[in-house]
Amino acid sequence: MWWAGVVLLCAAMAGAQAKPRARDLGVPFDGTPGPYNAITDVAGVEVGDTTLISGEAVPHAAQPAVRTGVTAILPRGRTSSDPVFAGWFALNGNGEMTGTTWVEESGFLETPVMITNTHSVGVVRDAVVAWKVKQGKPDASGYWWSLPVVAETWDGLLNDINGFHVKAEDAFHALDTAHGGPVEEGSVGGGTGMVCYEFKGGLGTASRRVEVLGATYAVGVLVQCNYGLRPQLRIAGVPVGREIPEHRAYEQETGSIIIVIATDAPLLPHQLKRVARRAALGLGRNGSISGNGSGDIFLAFSTANPGTYDPTKVASLKMLPNDTLDPIFEATVQAVEESVVNAMVAAETMTGFDGHTAIALPHDRLRQVLKKYNRLVEPPAKP
């Protein structure tokens, strides 16, 4: 039921500030984050979730475990229908992100970005079309024309994925409750049933502030992480996965990761494609090899250059020179790395479909391992 997701979402929002994040545990990261250290540090970006948790976590249950949901990212918020420049990249294509052929062709992202489980892409895609029809007026032909961007990762270890529990109203709720400010992480929204490096995974976010040609820009990242094998996991350069080998979930990687990168830097589509590619380097810092079974799909967009889509006038654009993009690239790599760790730090142990369990990354063990390798730092003081 969608209302169960509302209750869980409200609870998650109430507890979002109480959950420690990776920096709170003393994990060292490079770069300067924005005030929320989230994708919403890019002005106008809003994020909403619907979280669905119900059913019995035992084998052959009469009501199988539901551990899933949907997440919405709105580049200019709910009140704007102004498209943004965008580019995308697939590091490994064993996954899905709909609408990307038109993003590639046009250079624009015209819809929210939605993330859910693999077998719910269709219903969420149709829901976004319906939501857009309700939000705005028809175009000149008398119809809304829409190719929504909907991405997925597979949550079948913990979720009754073939029960098709995500409904249109769940997508509507994620869209209609999207907000700026702090972003809920871990087992929420589309990330509810996800597993990362065989620890409990889910949603994670981070941001960086960079200066280019005398101006300060934000780069924000949101990930839905569901990939990797335990021995591969590295945090702050430390082989954490090998140091915490207990309670493994897989023998072969079966997951994926979706990465959404937002910036207010004035970048054109070809430049945003270059930014999207750099997400792969952030994953590499955490040990990913982008395995054969993994769908590693990334999308980057810029909220600069508003009004460019207007078909009635010649657009005047601003863009950063290519020679100045290295700080943006570096910020992307750093924020992707931190977002993945934030997702695992926020997630809690979950038992789901047929009694399968994914354990949370143990905070105390993480700190011990970082200390062993002389990488533990003093957590920042609370304001």
Protein backbone atom coordinates (compact mmCIF):
# COMPACT_ATOMS: atom_id res chain seq x y z
CA MET A 1 0.00 0.00 0.00
CA TRP A 2 1.29 3.45 -0.93
CA TRP A 3 0.31 4.93 2.44
CA ALA A 4 2.74 2.55 4.14
CA GLY A 5 5.44 4.21 2.10
CA VAL A 6 4.25 7.63 3.28
CA VAL A 7 4.54 6.59 6.92
CA LEU A 8 8.00 5.14 6.37
CA LEU A 9 9.10 8.21 4.42
CA CYS A 10 8.00 10.55 7.19
CA ALA A 11 9.83 8.42 9.74
CA ALA A 12 12.95 8.45 7.59
CA MET A 13 12.82 12.23 7.23
CA ALA A 14 12.41 12.64 10.97
CA GLY A 15 15.45 10.48 11.63
CA ALA A 16 17.63 11.66 8.76
CA GLN A 17 19.63 14.09 10.86
CA ALA A 18 20.14 11.51 13.63
CA LYS A 19 21.87 9.00 11.34
CA PRO A 20 25.65 9.29 11.25
CA ARG A 21 27.30 9.76 7.90
CA ALA A 22 30.72 8.57 6.79
CA ARG A 23 32.48 11.77 7.86
CA ASP A 24 30.89 11.46 11.32
CA LEU A 25 32.68 8.13 11.73
CA GLY A 26 36.07 9.60 10.86
CA VAL A 27 36.28 8.49 7.22
CA PRO A 28 38.60 10.91 5.41
CA PHE A 29 37.53 12.40 2.08
CA ASP A 30 39.09 14.95 -0.23
CA GLY A 31 37.39 18.18 -1.25
CA THR A 32 35.00 20.71 0.29
CA PRO A 33 31.33 19.68 0.57
CA GLY A 34 28.36 22.00 0.36
CA PRO A 35 26.17 22.78 3.39
CA TYR A 36 24.07 19.61 3.06
CA ASN A 37 26.79 17.48 1.46
CA ALA A 38 24.05 16.33 -0.89
CA ILE A 39 22.84 16.65 -4.46
CA THR A 40 20.43 19.31 -3.19
CA ASP A 41 23.38 21.67 -2.67
CA VAL A 42 22.80 22.41 -6.34
CA ALA A 43 20.11 25.08 -6.06
CA GLY A 44 16.68 23.98 -7.26
CA VAL A 45 17.32 20.23 -7.17
CA GLU A 46 14.71 18.31 -5.20
CA VAL A 47 14.60 14.64 -4.15
CA GLY A 48 11.59 12.57 -3.09
CA ASP A 49 11.10 8.95 -2.07
CA THR A 50 8.44 6.33 -1.52
CA THR A 51 9.59 3.43 0.65
CA LEU A 52 7.67 0.14 0.68
CA ILE A 53 8.34 -2.35 3.47
CA SER A 54 5.84 -5.07 4.33
CA GLY A 55 5.34 -8.85 4.31
CA GLU A 56 7.09 -11.75 5.99
CA ALA A 57 10.83 -12.31 5.83
CA VAL A 58 10.63 -16.11 5.87
CA PRO A 59 10.90 -18.71 3.08
CA HIS A 60 7.69 -19.39 1.13
CA ALA A 61 5.71 -16.80 3.09
CA ALA A 62 2.04 -16.29 2.33
CA GLN A 63 2.79 -12.57 2.09
CA PRO A 64 6.32 -12.36 0.65
CA ALA A 65 8.63 -9.63 1.84
CA VAL A 66 8.31 -6.29 0.09
CA ARG A 67 11.53 -4.26 0.38
CA THR A 68 11.47 -1.74 -2.45
CA GLY A 69 10.43 1.74 -3.52
CA VAL A 70 11.03 4.60 -5.92
CA THR A 71 13.11 7.79 -5.83
CA ALA A 72 12.55 10.99 -7.81
CA ILE A 73 15.16 13.64 -8.66
CA LEU A 74 13.76 16.88 -10.07
CA PRO A 75 16.47 19.09 -11.63
CA ARG A 76 14.59 22.38 -11.20
CA GLY A 77 12.05 21.28 -8.61
CA ARG A 78 8.36 20.51 -8.94
CA THR A 79 7.34 24.00 -10.04
CA SER A 80 9.48 24.13 -13.19
CA SER A 81 9.06 22.40 -16.54
CA ASP A 82 12.21 23.99 -18.00
CA PRO A 83 14.50 21.23 -19.36
CA VAL A 84 18.19 21.10 -18.48
CA PHE A 85 21.26 20.25 -20.52
CA ALA A 86 22.37 16.66 -19.83
CA GLY A 87 24.69 13.86 -20.89
CA TRP A 88 24.86 10.16 -19.97
CA PHE A 89 27.31 7.28 -20.02
CA ALA A 90 27.12 3.52 -19.50
CA LEU A 91 30.28 2.02 -18.01
CA ASN A 92 28.66 -1.42 -18.19
CA GLY A 93 25.29 -1.91 -19.82
CA ASN A 94 23.70 -4.75 -17.86
CA GLY A 95 20.95 -2.41 -16.71
CA GLU A 96 18.43 0.15 -17.85
CA MET A 97 17.95 3.90 -17.98
CA THR A 98 15.06 4.77 -20.28
CA GLY A 99 14.93 7.95 -22.33
CA THR A 100 18.67 8.19 -22.82
CA THR A 101 18.61 7.93 -26.61
CA TRP A 102 16.75 11.25 -26.70
CA VAL A 103 19.06 12.74 -24.08
CA GLU A 104 21.95 11.76 -26.36
CA GLU A 105 20.26 13.13 -29.48
CA SER A 106 18.81 16.36 -28.08
CA GLY A 107 21.23 17.19 -25.27
CA PHE A 108 18.31 17.89 -22.95
CA LEU A 109 16.81 16.17 -19.90
CA GLU A 110 13.10 17.02 -20.08
CA THR A 111 11.72 14.93 -17.21
CA PRO A 112 12.53 14.04 -13.62
CA VAL A 113 15.00 11.22 -13.11
CA MET A 114 13.36 8.22 -11.42
CA ILE A 115 15.14 5.25 -9.83
CA THR A 116 13.41 2.02 -8.79
CA ASN A 117 13.86 -1.76 -9.01
CA THR A 118 14.45 -3.63 -12.26
CA HIS A 119 10.93 -4.97 -12.75
CA SER A 120 9.19 -1.68 -11.92
CA VAL A 121 10.73 0.47 -14.65
CA GLY A 122 7.63 0.21 -16.83
CA VAL A 123 5.05 1.25 -14.27
CA VAL A 124 7.21 4.14 -13.07
CA ARG A 125 7.85 5.29 -16.64
CA ASP A 126 4.10 5.34 -17.38
CA ALA A 127 3.43 7.14 -14.09
CA VAL A 128 5.83 9.93 -15.00
CA VAL A 129 4.04 10.43 -18.33
CA ALA A 130 0.72 10.68 -16.47
CA TRP A 131 2.23 13.05 -13.89
CA LYS A 132 3.56 15.35 -16.62
CA VAL A 133 0.19 15.36 -18.42
CA LYS A 134 -1.45 16.44 -15.17
CA GLN A 135 1.20 19.09 -14.46
CA GLY A 136 1.15 20.98 -17.76
CA LYS A 137 -0.62 21.87 -20.98
CA PRO A 138 -0.53 19.89 -24.23
CA ASP A 139 1.96 20.86 -26.87
CA ALA A 140 1.03 22.27 -30.27
CA SER A 141 0.01 18.84 -31.59
CA GLY A 142 -2.54 18.43 -28.82
CA TYR A 143 -0.61 15.81 -26.86
CA TRP A 144 2.11 15.70 -24.26
CA TRP A 145 5.17 14.05 -25.77
CA SER A 146 7.42 12.54 -23.15
CA LEU A 147 10.28 10.06 -22.91
CA PRO A 148 10.88 9.76 -19.14
CA VAL A 149 14.27 8.87 -17.71
CA VAL A 150 13.77 5.89 -15.39
CA ALA A 151 16.67 3.82 -14.08
CA GLU A 152 16.89 0.62 -12.08
CA THR A 153 18.95 -1.70 -9.95
CA TRP A 154 17.95 -5.24 -8.95
CA ASP A 155 16.66 -5.82 -5.41
CA GLY A 156 15.58 -9.46 -5.79
CA LEU A 157 17.73 -10.74 -2.91
CA LEU A 158 15.65 -8.86 -0.32
CA ASN A 159 12.50 -7.93 -2.23
CA ASP A 160 9.71 -9.95 -3.83
CA ILE A 161 10.65 -8.34 -7.13
CA ASN A 162 8.25 -10.46 -9.20
CA GLY A 163 5.35 -9.31 -7.04
CA PHE A 164 5.35 -5.95 -8.86
CA HIS A 165 4.66 -3.98 -5.69
CA VAL A 166 5.61 -0.52 -6.95
CA LYS A 167 2.49 1.19 -8.27
CA ALA A 168 1.82 4.42 -10.13
CA GLU A 169 0.73 6.14 -6.93
CA ASP A 170 4.13 5.38 -5.39
CA ALA A 171 5.84 7.25 -8.21
CA PHE A 172 3.35 10.11 -7.86
CA HIS A 173 4.10 10.33 -4.15
CA ALA A 174 7.86 10.46 -4.68
CA LEU A 175 7.40 13.26 -7.21
CA ASP A 176 4.88 15.24 -5.19
CA THR A 177 6.87 15.12 -1.95
CA ALA A 178 10.27 15.96 -3.47
CA HIS A 179 12.14 18.59 -1.45
CA GLY A 180 15.43 20.36 -1.11
CA GLY A 181 17.67 20.30 1.96
CA PRO A 182 18.90 17.10 3.64
CA VAL A 183 18.45 13.92 1.60
CA GLU A 184 17.46 10.64 3.22
CA GLU A 185 20.05 7.89 2.71
CA GLY A 186 20.37 4.14 3.08
CA SER A 187 17.33 1.87 2.86
CA VAL A 188 14.86 4.38 1.45
CA GLY A 189 13.06 4.91 -1.85
CA GLY A 190 14.50 2.99 -4.76
CA GLY A 191 17.40 1.97 -2.54
CA THR A 192 15.25 0.15 0.02
CA GLY A 193 16.21 -3.40 -0.95
CA MET A 194 19.66 -2.83 -2.39
CA VAL A 195 22.97 -4.48 -1.42
CA CYS A 196 26.43 -2.94 -1.92
CA TYR A 197 29.69 -4.89 -1.63
CA GLU A 198 27.53 -7.52 0.12
CA PHE A 199 26.69 -5.05 2.89
CA LYS A 200 23.29 -3.39 2.99
CA GLY A 201 23.31 -0.61 0.38
CA GLY A 202 20.81 1.87 -0.99
CA LEU A 203 20.78 5.62 -1.59
CA GLY A 204 23.74 7.86 -0.85
CA THR A 205 24.61 11.44 -1.68
CA ALA A 206 27.42 13.97 -1.39
CA SER A 207 28.52 17.28 -2.89
CA ARG A 208 31.53 19.46 -3.55
CA ARG A 209 32.09 23.18 -3.98
CA VAL A 210 34.69 24.23 -6.52
CA GLU A 211 36.01 27.52 -7.85
CA VAL A 212 36.44 28.04 -11.58
CA LEU A 213 37.41 31.38 -13.15
CA GLY A 214 36.60 33.22 -9.94
CA ALA A 215 33.11 31.75 -9.49
CA THR A 216 32.01 29.05 -7.03
CA TYR A 217 29.97 26.13 -8.34
CA ALA A 218 28.30 23.12 -6.74
CA VAL A 219 28.60 19.52 -7.91
CA GLY A 220 26.15 17.11 -6.28
CA VAL A 221 25.81 13.35 -6.64
CA LEU A 222 23.12 10.83 -5.74
CA VAL A 223 23.74 7.09 -6.11
CA GLN A 224 21.57 4.01 -5.86
CA CYS A 225 24.25 1.43 -5.11
CA ASN A 226 23.67 -2.28 -5.48
CA TYR A 227 26.97 -3.65 -6.78
CA GLY A 228 30.32 -5.17 -5.86
CA LEU A 229 31.74 -8.15 -4.00
CA ARG A 230 33.02 -7.92 -0.44
CA PRO A 231 36.74 -8.46 -1.14
CA GLN A 232 36.69 -5.55 -3.60
CA LEU A 233 35.53 -2.90 -1.11
CA ARG A 234 37.99 -0.16 -0.31
CA ILE A 235 37.19 2.88 1.82
CA ALA A 236 39.70 5.72 2.00
CA GLY A 237 42.15 3.40 0.27
CA VAL A 238 41.80 0.73 2.95
CA PRO A 239 40.76 -2.89 2.09
CA VAL A 240 37.74 -2.79 4.39
CA GLY A 241 35.97 -5.66 2.62
CA ARG A 242 38.84 -8.07 3.23
CA GLU A 243 39.07 -6.98 6.86
CA ILE A 244 35.34 -7.62 7.45
CA PRO A 245 34.69 -10.86 5.52
CA GLU A 246 31.75 -12.23 7.54
CA HIS A 247 28.16 -12.71 6.35
CA ARG A 248 28.70 -12.59 2.62
CA ALA A 249 25.67 -12.51 0.34
CA TYR A 250 26.91 -13.56 -3.13
CA GLU A 251 29.46 -15.69 -4.91
CA GLN A 252 29.12 -13.70 -8.13
CA GLU A 253 28.20 -10.06 -8.59
CA THR A 254 24.57 -9.56 -9.62
CA GLY A 255 24.03 -5.88 -8.94
CA SER A 256 24.25 -2.42 -10.49
CA ILE A 257 24.66 1.26 -9.67
CA ILE A 258 22.87 4.32 -10.93
CA ILE A 259 24.64 7.66 -10.50
CA VAL A 260 23.02 11.07 -11.03
CA ILE A 261 25.32 14.10 -11.09
CA ALA A 262 23.99 17.65 -10.84
CA THR A 263 25.85 20.94 -11.16
CA ASP A 264 25.07 24.63 -11.51
CA ALA A 265 28.22 25.14 -13.58
CA PRO A 266 27.39 26.27 -17.14
CA LEU A 267 28.19 23.12 -19.10
CA LEU A 268 26.93 21.99 -22.48
CA PRO A 269 25.75 18.43 -23.24
CA HIS A 270 29.07 17.19 -24.61
CA GLN A 271 30.80 18.50 -21.49
CA LEU A 272 28.21 16.85 -19.24
CA LYS A 273 28.87 13.53 -20.97
CA ARG A 274 32.52 14.00 -20.05
CA VAL A 275 31.48 14.65 -16.43
CA ALA A 276 29.29 11.53 -16.42
CA ARG A 277 32.24 9.42 -17.51
CA ARG A 278 34.25 10.57 -14.49
CA ALA A 279 31.80 8.84 -12.16
CA ALA A 280 33.58 5.61 -13.08
CA LEU A 281 36.75 6.88 -11.39
CA GLY A 282 34.86 7.48 -8.15
CA LEU A 283 33.63 3.89 -8.24
CA GLY A 284 37.18 2.72 -8.86
CA ARG A 285 38.33 4.45 -5.68
CA ASN A 286 35.94 2.20 -3.75
CA GLY A 287 37.15 -0.93 -5.51
CA SER A 288 34.59 -1.49 -8.27
CA ILE A 289 35.66 -3.42 -11.36
CA SER A 290 32.29 -2.86 -13.09
CA GLY A 291 31.60 -6.58 -13.28
CA ASN A 292 29.86 -8.32 -16.17
CA GLY A 293 26.58 -8.56 -14.26
CA SER A 294 26.55 -4.92 -13.22
CA GLY A 295 24.61 -2.10 -14.85
CA ASP A 296 26.73 0.98 -14.17
CA ILE A 297 24.83 3.87 -15.77
CA PHE A 298 25.48 7.55 -15.09
CA LEU A 299 23.68 10.79 -15.98
CA ALA A 300 24.89 14.36 -15.47
CA PHE A 301 22.87 17.57 -15.85
CA SER A 302 23.40 21.30 -15.41
CA THR A 303 20.85 23.74 -14.01
CA ALA A 304 22.62 26.67 -15.68
CA ASN A 305 21.31 28.29 -18.88
CA PRO A 306 17.59 28.39 -17.98
CA GLY A 307 15.15 29.04 -20.79
CA THR A 308 17.41 27.52 -23.44
CA TYR A 309 14.70 25.10 -24.59
CA ASP A 310 12.37 27.91 -25.70
CA PRO A 311 11.61 27.24 -29.42
CA THR A 312 10.55 30.83 -30.13
CA LYS A 313 13.92 32.53 -29.82
CA VAL A 314 17.62 32.12 -30.38
CA ALA A 315 19.26 31.05 -27.13
CA SER A 316 22.21 32.85 -25.60
CA LEU A 317 24.41 30.36 -23.79
CA LYS A 318 27.19 30.43 -21.26
CA MET A 319 29.74 27.64 -20.97
CA LEU A 320 32.95 26.98 -19.13
CA PRO A 321 35.97 26.47 -21.40
CA ASN A 322 37.07 22.85 -21.64
CA ASP A 323 40.46 23.79 -20.23
CA THR A 324 38.81 24.78 -16.93
CA LEU A 325 36.86 21.57 -16.30
CA ASP A 326 39.37 19.66 -14.18
CA PRO A 327 37.94 20.96 -10.85
CA ILE A 328 34.48 19.76 -11.97
CA PHE A 329 35.89 16.35 -12.90
CA GLU A 330 37.71 16.07 -9.58
CA ALA A 331 34.62 17.10 -7.61
CA THR A 332 32.60 14.43 -9.41
CA VAL A 333 35.10 11.69 -8.57
CA GLN A 334 35.22 12.76 -4.92
CA ALA A 335 31.45 13.06 -4.50
CA VAL A 336 30.77 9.67 -6.12
CA GLU A 337 33.28 8.01 -3.80
CA GLU A 338 31.70 9.56 -0.71
CA SER A 339 28.11 8.95 -1.83
CA VAL A 340 28.64 5.19 -1.99
CA VAL A 341 30.16 5.10 1.49
CA ASN A 342 27.37 7.31 2.84
CA ALA A 343 24.80 4.86 1.46
CA MET A 344 26.40 1.92 3.30
CA VAL A 345 26.94 3.87 6.53
CA ALA A 346 23.28 4.94 6.60
CA ALA A 347 21.82 1.52 5.75
CA GLU A 348 20.75 -0.88 8.49
CA THR A 349 20.72 -4.68 8.52
CA MET A 350 17.70 -5.96 6.62
CA THR A 351 16.09 -9.38 6.35
CA GLY A 352 13.78 -9.81 3.39
CA PHE A 353 12.59 -12.17 0.69
CA ASP A 354 12.84 -15.87 1.62
CA GLY A 355 14.71 -14.91 4.79
CA HIS A 356 17.76 -13.48 3.03
CA THR A 357 19.73 -11.00 5.15
CA ALA A 358 22.11 -8.22 4.19
CA ILE A 359 24.10 -6.95 7.16
CA ALA A 360 24.88 -3.30 7.70
CA LEU A 361 28.46 -2.08 7.45
CA PRO A 362 29.42 -2.18 11.17
CA HIS A 363 30.47 1.31 12.22
CA ASP A 364 32.75 0.20 15.02
CA ARG A 365 34.56 -2.31 12.80
CA LEU A 366 34.96 0.30 10.07
CA ARG A 367 36.60 2.68 12.52
CA GLN A 368 38.88 -0.07 13.80
CA VAL A 369 40.01 -0.96 10.29
CA LEU A 370 40.65 2.68 9.37
CA LYS A 371 42.66 3.12 12.58
CA LYS A 372 44.68 -0.02 11.82
CA TYR A 373 45.77 1.52 8.51
CA ASN A 374 46.30 5.00 10.01
CA ARG A 375 43.41 6.47 8.02
CA LEU A 376 40.96 7.33 10.80
CA VAL A 377 40.49 11.07 11.29
CA GLU A 378 38.82 13.08 14.01
CA PRO A 379 35.14 13.59 13.00
CA PRO A 380 34.19 17.21 12.34
CA ALA A 381 32.73 19.14 15.27
CA LYS A 382 28.95 19.49 15.25
CA PRO A 383 27.75 23.08 14.70
